[in-house]
Amino acid sequence: MGEINREDRLSRARELRQRGESARRRDSATARWCYEEAVELLRGVGEPLVLAHVVRHLGDVYLEQDCLEMAEPYYHEALKLYASEGDNASLDLANALRGLAMLRWEQAKALWKETQGLYGALNVAAGVEESKARLAALMGL
C-alpha cells in the first residue's frame, strides 16, 4: 500500500477527531484510540493548530483516565504549538492551559495524600496536619 497523501491524512484525521469527540463521554478507550491515530496522521502535514487541538484533546482523555504522566507531554506540546503560531489569546489556548492546571492540581492532590500517609505512618502529627490543611486548600474546603 502506498503513502497516504496530505489531503487524505487531513480528512482521515478530522474523521477520527470527530469520532473521538463523540466517544469521549461514553467510551474513553475509543476516544483515546481515535485521538492517538489522528495525532499520528497530523504529524508532519503542516497544520500545527489542527495538531495542537487534537493533541490537547488527547491530553484531556489521558487526564480523564488518570494517566497523569501520559497527559502532561501532550499539554506541553499543544502549548508549544500555539506559541509557535503566535496564538496567545484563543479559546484553544485557554483550554490547553486549563488542562495543564487540572493536571497539576491532580498531581499536587496525589502528592499531598501520599505525604500525609507517610507522616501518619511515622507519627509526625505536624506533617499530617499540614498535609490535611494543604489538601483542604486544594479542594476549596
C-alpha atoms as a PDB file:
ATOM      1  CA  MET A   1       0.000   0.000   0.000  1.00  0.00           C
ATOM      2  CA  GLY A   2       1.363   3.443  -0.902  1.00  0.00           C
ATOM      3  CA  GLU A   3       1.878   6.571   1.152  1.00  0.00           C
ATOM      4  CA  ILE A   4      -1.307   8.423   2.111  1.00  0.00           C
ATOM      5  CA  ASN A   5      -1.328  11.919   0.612  1.00  0.00           C
ATOM      6  CA  ARG A   6      -1.688  15.069   2.720  1.00  0.00           C
ATOM      7  CA  GLU A   7      -5.367  15.705   1.980  1.00  0.00           C
ATOM      8  CA  ASP A   8      -6.309  12.105   2.744  1.00  0.00           C
ATOM      9  CA  ARG A   9      -4.352  12.287   6.013  1.00  0.00           C
ATOM     10  CA  LEU A  10      -6.149  15.506   6.990  1.00  0.00           C
ATOM     11  CA  SER A  11      -9.536  14.083   6.052  1.00  0.00           C
ATOM     12  CA  ARG A  12      -8.958  10.859   7.977  1.00  0.00           C
ATOM     13  CA  ALA A  13      -7.593  12.783  10.981  1.00  0.00           C
ATOM     14  CA  ARG A  14     -10.676  15.032  11.039  1.00  0.00           C
ATOM     15  CA  GLU A  15     -12.927  11.980  10.901  1.00  0.00           C
ATOM     16  CA  LEU A  16     -11.027  10.367  13.774  1.00  0.00           C
ATOM     17  CA  ARG A  17     -11.157  13.594  15.792  1.00  0.00           C
ATOM     18  CA  GLN A  18     -14.933  13.737  15.372  1.00  0.00           C
ATOM     19  CA  ARG A  19     -15.272  10.093  16.361  1.00  0.00           C
ATOM     20  CA  GLY A  20     -13.093  10.779  19.401  1.00  0.00           C
ATOM     21  CA  GLU A  21     -15.231  13.723  20.421  1.00  0.00           C
ATOM     22  CA  SER A  22     -18.404  11.646  20.019  1.00  0.00           C
ATOM     23  CA  ALA A  23     -16.995   8.762  22.043  1.00  0.00           C
ATOM     24  CA  ARG A  24     -15.393  10.850  24.778  1.00  0.00           C
ATOM     25  CA  ARG A  25     -18.149  10.752  27.421  1.00  0.00           C
ATOM     26  CA  ARG A  26     -19.309   7.183  26.836  1.00  0.00           C
ATOM     27  CA  ASP A  27     -16.213   5.244  25.730  1.00  0.00           C
ATOM     28  CA  SER A  28     -12.919   6.816  26.737  1.00  0.00           C
ATOM     29  CA  ALA A  29     -10.859   3.925  25.305  1.00  0.00           C
ATOM     30  CA  THR A  30     -12.301   4.521  21.838  1.00  0.00           C
ATOM     31  CA  ALA A  31     -11.839   8.272  22.215  1.00  0.00           C
ATOM     32  CA  ARG A  32      -8.206   7.748  23.202  1.00  0.00           C
ATOM     33  CA  TRP A  33      -7.557   5.468  20.217  1.00  0.00           C
ATOM     34  CA  CYS A  34      -9.193   7.926  17.802  1.00  0.00           C
ATOM     35  CA  TYR A  35      -7.171  10.869  19.101  1.00  0.00           C
ATOM     36  CA  GLU A  36      -3.926   8.860  19.091  1.00  0.00           C
ATOM     37  CA  GLU A  37      -4.499   7.854  15.474  1.00  0.00           C
ATOM     38  CA  ALA A  38      -5.463  11.406  14.481  1.00  0.00           C
ATOM     39  CA  VAL A  39      -2.303  12.803  16.093  1.00  0.00           C
ATOM     40  CA  GLU A  40      -0.151  10.336  14.161  1.00  0.00           C
ATOM     41  CA  LEU A  41      -1.838  11.311  10.902  1.00  0.00           C
ATOM     42  CA  LEU A  42      -1.459  15.034  11.602  1.00  0.00           C
ATOM     43  CA  ARG A  43       2.233  14.988  12.475  1.00  0.00           C
ATOM     44  CA  GLY A  44       4.190  16.484   9.630  1.00  0.00           C
ATOM     45  CA  VAL A  45       1.286  17.641   7.441  1.00  0.00           C
ATOM     46  CA  GLY A  46       1.861  21.322   8.172  1.00  0.00           C
ATOM     47  CA  GLU A  47      -1.289  22.113  10.172  1.00  0.00           C
ATOM     48  CA  PRO A  48       0.115  22.993  13.606  1.00  0.00           C
ATOM     49  CA  LEU A  49      -3.086  24.487  15.023  1.00  0.00           C
ATOM     50  CA  VAL A  50      -5.136  21.462  13.979  1.00  0.00           C
ATOM     51  CA  LEU A  51      -2.471  19.211  15.501  1.00  0.00           C
ATOM     52  CA  ALA A  52      -2.415  21.307  18.693  1.00  0.00           C
ATOM     53  CA  HIS A  53      -6.187  20.979  19.067  1.00  0.00           C
ATOM     54  CA  VAL A  54      -6.131  17.185  18.736  1.00  0.00           C
ATOM     55  CA  VAL A  55      -3.032  16.844  20.915  1.00  0.00           C
ATOM     56  CA  ARG A  56      -4.774  18.827  23.651  1.00  0.00           C
ATOM     57  CA  HIS A  57      -7.846  16.592  23.432  1.00  0.00           C
ATOM     58  CA  LEU A  58      -5.609  13.547  23.739  1.00  0.00           C
ATOM     59  CA  GLY A  59      -4.109  15.095  26.873  1.00  0.00           C
ATOM     60  CA  ASP A  60      -7.633  15.631  28.197  1.00  0.00           C
ATOM     61  CA  VAL A  61      -8.524  11.982  27.629  1.00  0.00           C
ATOM     62  CA  TYR A  62      -5.376  10.814  29.414  1.00  0.00           C
ATOM     63  CA  LEU A  63      -6.199  13.166  32.304  1.00  0.00           C
ATOM     64  CA  GLU A  64      -9.775  11.837  32.464  1.00  0.00           C
ATOM     65  CA  GLN A  65      -8.343   8.305  32.590  1.00  0.00           C
ATOM     66  CA  ASP A  66      -5.986   9.311  35.448  1.00  0.00           C
ATOM     67  CA  CYS A  67      -2.932   8.720  33.245  1.00  0.00           C
ATOM     68  CA  LEU A  68      -1.291  11.899  34.505  1.00  0.00           C
ATOM     69  CA  GLU A  69       2.224  11.126  33.290  1.00  0.00           C
ATOM     70  CA  MET A  70       0.902  10.471  29.796  1.00  0.00           C
ATOM     71  CA  ALA A  71      -1.239  13.627  29.727  1.00  0.00           C
ATOM     72  CA  GLU A  72       1.432  16.165  30.598  1.00  0.00           C
ATOM     73  CA  PRO A  73       3.605  15.940  27.453  1.00  0.00           C
ATOM     74  CA  TYR A  74       0.551  16.469  25.259  1.00  0.00           C
ATOM     75  CA  TYR A  75      -0.430  19.657  27.077  1.00  0.00           C
ATOM     76  CA  HIS A  76       3.113  20.955  26.758  1.00  0.00           C
ATOM     77  CA  GLU A  77       3.178  20.057  23.069  1.00  0.00           C
ATOM     78  CA  ALA A  78      -0.130  21.847  22.453  1.00  0.00           C
ATOM     79  CA  LEU A  79       1.109  24.965  24.273  1.00  0.00           C
ATOM     80  CA  LYS A  80       4.342  24.919  22.278  1.00  0.00           C
ATOM     81  CA  LEU A  81       2.418  24.619  19.014  1.00  0.00           C
ATOM     82  CA  TYR A  82       0.107  27.501  19.943  1.00  0.00           C
ATOM     83  CA  ALA A  83       3.106  29.650  20.872  1.00  0.00           C
ATOM     84  CA  SER A  84       4.896  28.806  17.617  1.00  0.00           C
ATOM     85  CA  GLU A  85       1.847  30.034  15.712  1.00  0.00           C
ATOM     86  CA  GLY A  86       1.596  33.256  17.721  1.00  0.00           C
ATOM     87  CA  ASP A  87      -1.657  32.149  19.340  1.00  0.00           C
ATOM     88  CA  ASN A  88      -1.759  33.949  22.665  1.00  0.00           C
ATOM     89  CA  ALA A  89      -5.468  34.662  23.070  1.00  0.00           C
ATOM     90  CA  SER A  90      -7.672  31.822  21.824  1.00  0.00           C
ATOM     91  CA  LEU A  91     -10.182  29.514  23.428  1.00  0.00           C
ATOM     92  CA  ASP A  92      -7.991  26.582  22.367  1.00  0.00           C
ATOM     93  CA  LEU A  93      -5.022  28.072  24.218  1.00  0.00           C
ATOM     94  CA  ALA A  94      -7.173  28.674  27.296  1.00  0.00           C
ATOM     95  CA  ASN A  95      -8.397  25.062  27.151  1.00  0.00           C
ATOM     96  CA  ALA A  96      -4.815  23.773  26.936  1.00  0.00           C
ATOM     97  CA  LEU A  97      -3.780  25.879  29.927  1.00  0.00           C
ATOM     98  CA  ARG A  98      -6.851  24.654  31.816  1.00  0.00           C
ATOM     99  CA  GLY A  99      -5.902  21.044  31.137  1.00  0.00           C
ATOM    100  CA  LEU A 100      -2.365  21.602  32.384  1.00  0.00           C
ATOM    101  CA  ALA A 101      -3.688  23.354  35.504  1.00  0.00           C
ATOM    102  CA  MET A 102      -6.066  20.447  36.171  1.00  0.00           C
ATOM    103  CA  LEU A 103      -3.211  18.008  35.686  1.00  0.00           C
ATOM    104  CA  ARG A 104      -1.002  19.889  38.123  1.00  0.00           C
ATOM    105  CA  TRP A 105      -3.893  20.072  40.600  1.00  0.00           C
ATOM    106  CA  GLU A 106      -4.373  16.296  40.378  1.00  0.00           C
ATOM    107  CA  GLN A 107      -0.629  15.754  40.792  1.00  0.00           C
ATOM    108  CA  ALA A 108      -0.490  18.059  43.821  1.00  0.00           C
ATOM    109  CA  LYS A 109      -3.509  16.341  45.386  1.00  0.00           C
ATOM    110  CA  ALA A 110      -1.920  12.890  44.932  1.00  0.00           C
ATOM    111  CA  LEU A 111       1.406  14.082  46.355  1.00  0.00           C
ATOM    112  CA  TRP A 112      -0.212  15.625  49.448  1.00  0.00           C
ATOM    113  CA  LYS A 113      -2.210  12.432  50.058  1.00  0.00           C
ATOM    114  CA  GLU A 114       0.962  10.365  49.828  1.00  0.00           C
ATOM    115  CA  THR A 115       2.795  12.808  52.083  1.00  0.00           C
ATOM    116  CA  GLN A 116       0.000  12.660  54.641  1.00  0.00           C
ATOM    117  CA  GLY A 117       0.161   8.873  54.645  1.00  0.00           C
ATOM    118  CA  LEU A 118       3.900   8.855  55.171  1.00  0.00           C
ATOM    119  CA  TYR A 119       3.723  11.361  58.006  1.00  0.00           C
ATOM    120  CA  GLY A 120       0.919   9.329  59.555  1.00  0.00           C
ATOM    121  CA  ALA A 121       2.936   6.135  59.368  1.00  0.00           C
ATOM    122  CA  LEU A 122       5.846   7.951  61.005  1.00  0.00           C
ATOM    123  CA  ASN A 123       3.628   9.526  63.694  1.00  0.00           C
ATOM    124  CA  VAL A 124       4.581  13.069  62.684  1.00  0.00           C
ATOM    125  CA  ALA A 125       1.444  14.925  63.737  1.00  0.00           C
ATOM    126  CA  ALA A 126       2.580  18.317  62.419  1.00  0.00           C
ATOM    127  CA  GLY A 127       3.213  16.803  58.982  1.00  0.00           C
ATOM    128  CA  VAL A 128      -0.188  15.107  58.959  1.00  0.00           C
ATOM    129  CA  GLU A 129      -1.904  18.358  59.925  1.00  0.00           C
ATOM    130  CA  GLU A 130      -0.041  20.366  57.291  1.00  0.00           C
ATOM    131  CA  SER A 131      -0.902  17.769  54.636  1.00  0.00           C
ATOM    132  CA  LYS A 132      -4.559  17.851  55.642  1.00  0.00           C
ATOM    133  CA  ALA A 133      -4.606  21.648  55.522  1.00  0.00           C
ATOM    134  CA  ARG A 134      -2.976  21.759  52.094  1.00  0.00           C
ATOM    135  CA  LEU A 135      -5.373  19.127  50.735  1.00  0.00           C
ATOM    136  CA  ALA A 136      -8.309  21.100  52.121  1.00  0.00           C
ATOM    137  CA  ALA A 137      -6.974  24.265  50.485  1.00  0.00           C
ATOM    138  CA  LEU A 138      -6.546  22.467  47.162  1.00  0.00           C
ATOM    139  CA  MET A 139     -10.066  21.159  47.347  1.00  0.00           C
ATOM    140  CA  GLY A 140     -11.505  24.522  48.294  1.00  0.00           C
ATOM    141  CA  LEU A 141     -12.678  23.463  51.743  1.00  0.00           C
END
